[in-house]
Amino acid sequence: MKILFIISTDDGETIYNAMRLANVGVQKGDEVSVFMLGKGVMYEKSGSEEFNVMAQMEKFEGDFYV
C-alpha cells in the first residue's frame, strides 16, 4: 500500500504520533512518504522529553519531503 502523511502543524505530540504511525507502516512493508507543510517544517524544534520527535524522524526509512 502507498501512504502519504502531510504534517502541517508544529505540535510535538501530533508530529510524534504521525511519525510513529508512519514508522509502523514502513515496518509492515508499506511505501510511506511524509511531507512537511507550513508550520510542520519546524519539526526539529517541536519535540519534548515526552514526545521525542527527532527519535521518530531518525527511525523513519521512507520518503521525506520538507
N, C-alpha and C. Protein backbone atom coordinates (compact mmCIF):
# COMPACT_ATOMS: atom_id res chain seq x y z
N MET A 1 0.83 -1.16 0.00
CA MET A 1 0.00 0.00 0.00
C MET A 1 0.89 1.24 0.00
N LYS A 2 0.45 2.28 -0.67
CA LYS A 2 1.15 3.56 -0.67
C LYS A 2 0.42 4.50 0.28
N ILE A 3 1.18 5.14 1.18
CA ILE A 3 0.60 6.04 2.18
C ILE A 3 1.36 7.36 2.16
N LEU A 4 0.63 8.47 2.24
CA LEU A 4 1.22 9.80 2.32
C LEU A 4 0.72 10.49 3.57
N PHE A 5 1.65 10.97 4.39
CA PHE A 5 1.32 11.77 5.56
C PHE A 5 1.68 13.21 5.24
N ILE A 6 0.75 14.13 5.45
CA ILE A 6 1.01 15.56 5.30
C ILE A 6 0.89 16.15 6.70
N ILE A 7 1.99 16.67 7.19
CA ILE A 7 2.02 17.25 8.54
C ILE A 7 2.17 18.75 8.41
N SER A 8 1.18 19.48 8.92
CA SER A 8 1.19 20.94 8.77
C SER A 8 1.07 21.65 10.12
N THR A 9 1.51 21.01 11.18
CA THR A 9 1.45 21.61 12.50
C THR A 9 2.83 21.53 13.15
N ASP A 10 3.06 22.39 14.12
CA ASP A 10 4.31 22.32 14.87
C ASP A 10 4.08 21.74 16.27
N ASP A 11 2.91 21.13 16.47
CA ASP A 11 2.59 20.49 17.75
C ASP A 11 3.39 19.19 17.88
N GLY A 12 4.26 19.13 18.87
CA GLY A 12 5.16 18.00 19.05
C GLY A 12 4.44 16.67 19.20
N GLU A 13 3.36 16.64 19.96
CA GLU A 13 2.62 15.39 20.16
C GLU A 13 2.02 14.88 18.86
N THR A 14 1.47 15.77 18.06
CA THR A 14 0.87 15.39 16.79
C THR A 14 1.91 14.85 15.83
N ILE A 15 3.04 15.55 15.72
CA ILE A 15 4.11 15.09 14.82
C ILE A 15 4.66 13.75 15.29
N TYR A 16 4.88 13.61 16.58
CA TYR A 16 5.39 12.37 17.15
C TYR A 16 4.48 11.20 16.80
N ASN A 17 3.17 11.36 17.02
CA ASN A 17 2.24 10.28 16.75
C ASN A 17 2.11 9.97 15.26
N ALA A 18 2.15 10.99 14.42
CA ALA A 18 2.10 10.77 12.97
C ALA A 18 3.34 9.99 12.51
N MET A 19 4.49 10.34 13.04
CA MET A 19 5.71 9.65 12.65
C MET A 19 5.77 8.23 13.21
N ARG A 20 5.21 8.02 14.38
CA ARG A 20 5.12 6.64 14.91
C ARG A 20 4.28 5.79 13.97
N LEU A 21 3.16 6.32 13.52
CA LEU A 21 2.29 5.59 12.60
C LEU A 21 2.99 5.36 11.26
N ALA A 22 3.71 6.37 10.78
CA ALA A 22 4.47 6.22 9.53
C ALA A 22 5.52 5.12 9.68
N ASN A 23 6.18 5.07 10.80
CA ASN A 23 7.20 4.04 11.04
C ASN A 23 6.59 2.64 11.09
N VAL A 24 5.40 2.52 11.65
CA VAL A 24 4.72 1.22 11.67
C VAL A 24 4.40 0.79 10.24
N GLY A 25 3.95 1.72 9.41
CA GLY A 25 3.68 1.41 8.02
C GLY A 25 4.90 0.91 7.29
N VAL A 26 6.03 1.56 7.50
CA VAL A 26 7.29 1.13 6.86
C VAL A 26 7.65 -0.27 7.33
N GLN A 27 7.53 -0.52 8.63
CA GLN A 27 7.86 -1.83 9.18
C GLN A 27 6.97 -2.93 8.61
N LYS A 28 5.73 -2.60 8.29
CA LYS A 28 4.78 -3.58 7.73
C LYS A 28 4.97 -3.76 6.23
N GLY A 29 5.87 -2.97 5.63
CA GLY A 29 6.17 -3.13 4.21
C GLY A 29 5.44 -2.16 3.29
N ASP A 30 4.75 -1.18 3.85
CA ASP A 30 4.07 -0.18 3.03
C ASP A 30 5.07 0.84 2.49
N GLU A 31 4.72 1.46 1.38
CA GLU A 31 5.53 2.54 0.81
C GLU A 31 5.01 3.85 1.41
N VAL A 32 5.76 4.43 2.34
CA VAL A 32 5.29 5.58 3.11
C VAL A 32 6.10 6.82 2.75
N SER A 33 5.39 7.93 2.53
CA SER A 33 6.01 9.24 2.30
C SER A 33 5.46 10.21 3.33
N VAL A 34 6.32 11.12 3.79
CA VAL A 34 5.91 12.17 4.72
C VAL A 34 6.28 13.51 4.10
N PHE A 35 5.31 14.42 4.08
CA PHE A 35 5.50 15.75 3.53
C PHE A 35 5.22 16.77 4.63
N MET A 36 6.21 17.58 4.96
CA MET A 36 6.05 18.64 5.97
C MET A 36 5.64 19.93 5.27
N LEU A 37 4.58 20.53 5.75
CA LEU A 37 3.99 21.71 5.12
C LEU A 37 3.74 22.77 6.18
N GLY A 38 3.88 24.02 5.85
CA GLY A 38 3.58 25.11 6.79
C GLY A 38 4.42 25.03 8.04
N LYS A 39 3.75 25.06 9.20
CA LYS A 39 4.46 25.00 10.48
C LYS A 39 5.16 23.67 10.71
N GLY A 40 4.78 22.66 9.95
CA GLY A 40 5.41 21.35 10.08
C GLY A 40 6.90 21.34 9.81
N VAL A 41 7.38 22.32 9.04
CA VAL A 41 8.81 22.37 8.74
C VAL A 41 9.64 22.69 9.98
N MET A 42 8.99 23.09 11.06
CA MET A 42 9.68 23.39 12.31
C MET A 42 9.76 22.16 13.21
N TYR A 43 9.63 20.97 12.63
CA TYR A 43 9.58 19.73 13.41
C TYR A 43 10.79 19.53 14.32
N GLU A 44 11.95 20.03 13.93
CA GLU A 44 13.15 19.83 14.75
C GLU A 44 13.05 20.50 16.11
N LYS A 45 12.25 21.54 16.21
CA LYS A 45 12.09 22.28 17.46
C LYS A 45 10.80 21.92 18.20
N SER A 46 10.03 20.98 17.66
CA SER A 46 8.70 20.70 18.19
C SER A 46 8.68 19.60 19.25
N GLY A 47 9.72 18.85 19.37
CA GLY A 47 9.72 17.73 20.31
C GLY A 47 9.90 18.16 21.75
N SER A 48 9.72 17.20 22.63
CA SER A 48 9.93 17.39 24.05
C SER A 48 10.47 16.08 24.60
N GLU A 49 10.72 16.05 25.91
CA GLU A 49 11.20 14.82 26.52
C GLU A 49 10.15 13.72 26.39
N GLU A 50 8.91 14.08 26.54
CA GLU A 50 7.82 13.11 26.45
C GLU A 50 7.55 12.67 25.01
N PHE A 51 7.66 13.60 24.07
CA PHE A 51 7.40 13.32 22.66
C PHE A 51 8.67 13.60 21.85
N ASN A 52 9.53 12.59 21.77
CA ASN A 52 10.83 12.73 21.13
C ASN A 52 10.67 12.62 19.60
N VAL A 53 10.34 13.74 18.99
CA VAL A 53 10.08 13.79 17.55
C VAL A 53 11.32 13.36 16.77
N MET A 54 12.47 13.83 17.14
CA MET A 54 13.68 13.54 16.37
C MET A 54 14.03 12.05 16.39
N ALA A 55 13.74 11.35 17.47
CA ALA A 55 13.99 9.91 17.51
C ALA A 55 13.12 9.20 16.48
N GLN A 56 11.87 9.62 16.34
CA GLN A 56 10.98 9.03 15.35
C GLN A 56 11.43 9.38 13.94
N MET A 57 11.91 10.60 13.75
CA MET A 57 12.39 11.03 12.43
C MET A 57 13.62 10.21 12.01
N GLU A 58 14.54 10.01 12.93
CA GLU A 58 15.76 9.26 12.63
C GLU A 58 15.46 7.80 12.31
N LYS A 59 14.40 7.28 12.88
CA LYS A 59 13.99 5.90 12.66
C LYS A 59 13.31 5.70 11.30
N PHE A 60 12.74 6.77 10.75
CA PHE A 60 11.94 6.70 9.53
C PHE A 60 12.81 6.37 8.31
N GLU A 61 12.35 5.39 7.52
CA GLU A 61 13.11 4.96 6.34
C GLU A 61 12.34 5.15 5.04
N GLY A 62 11.27 5.92 5.07
CA GLY A 62 10.52 6.19 3.85
C GLY A 62 10.98 7.46 3.18
N ASP A 63 10.17 7.97 2.27
CA ASP A 63 10.47 9.23 1.59
C ASP A 63 10.05 10.39 2.49
N PHE A 64 10.91 11.40 2.58
CA PHE A 64 10.66 12.53 3.47
C PHE A 64 10.88 13.83 2.70
N TYR A 65 9.88 14.69 2.69
CA TYR A 65 9.96 15.96 1.95
C TYR A 65 9.65 17.14 2.88
N VAL A 66 10.49 18.16 2.82
CA VAL A 66 10.27 19.37 3.61
C VAL A 66 10.16 20.54 2.66
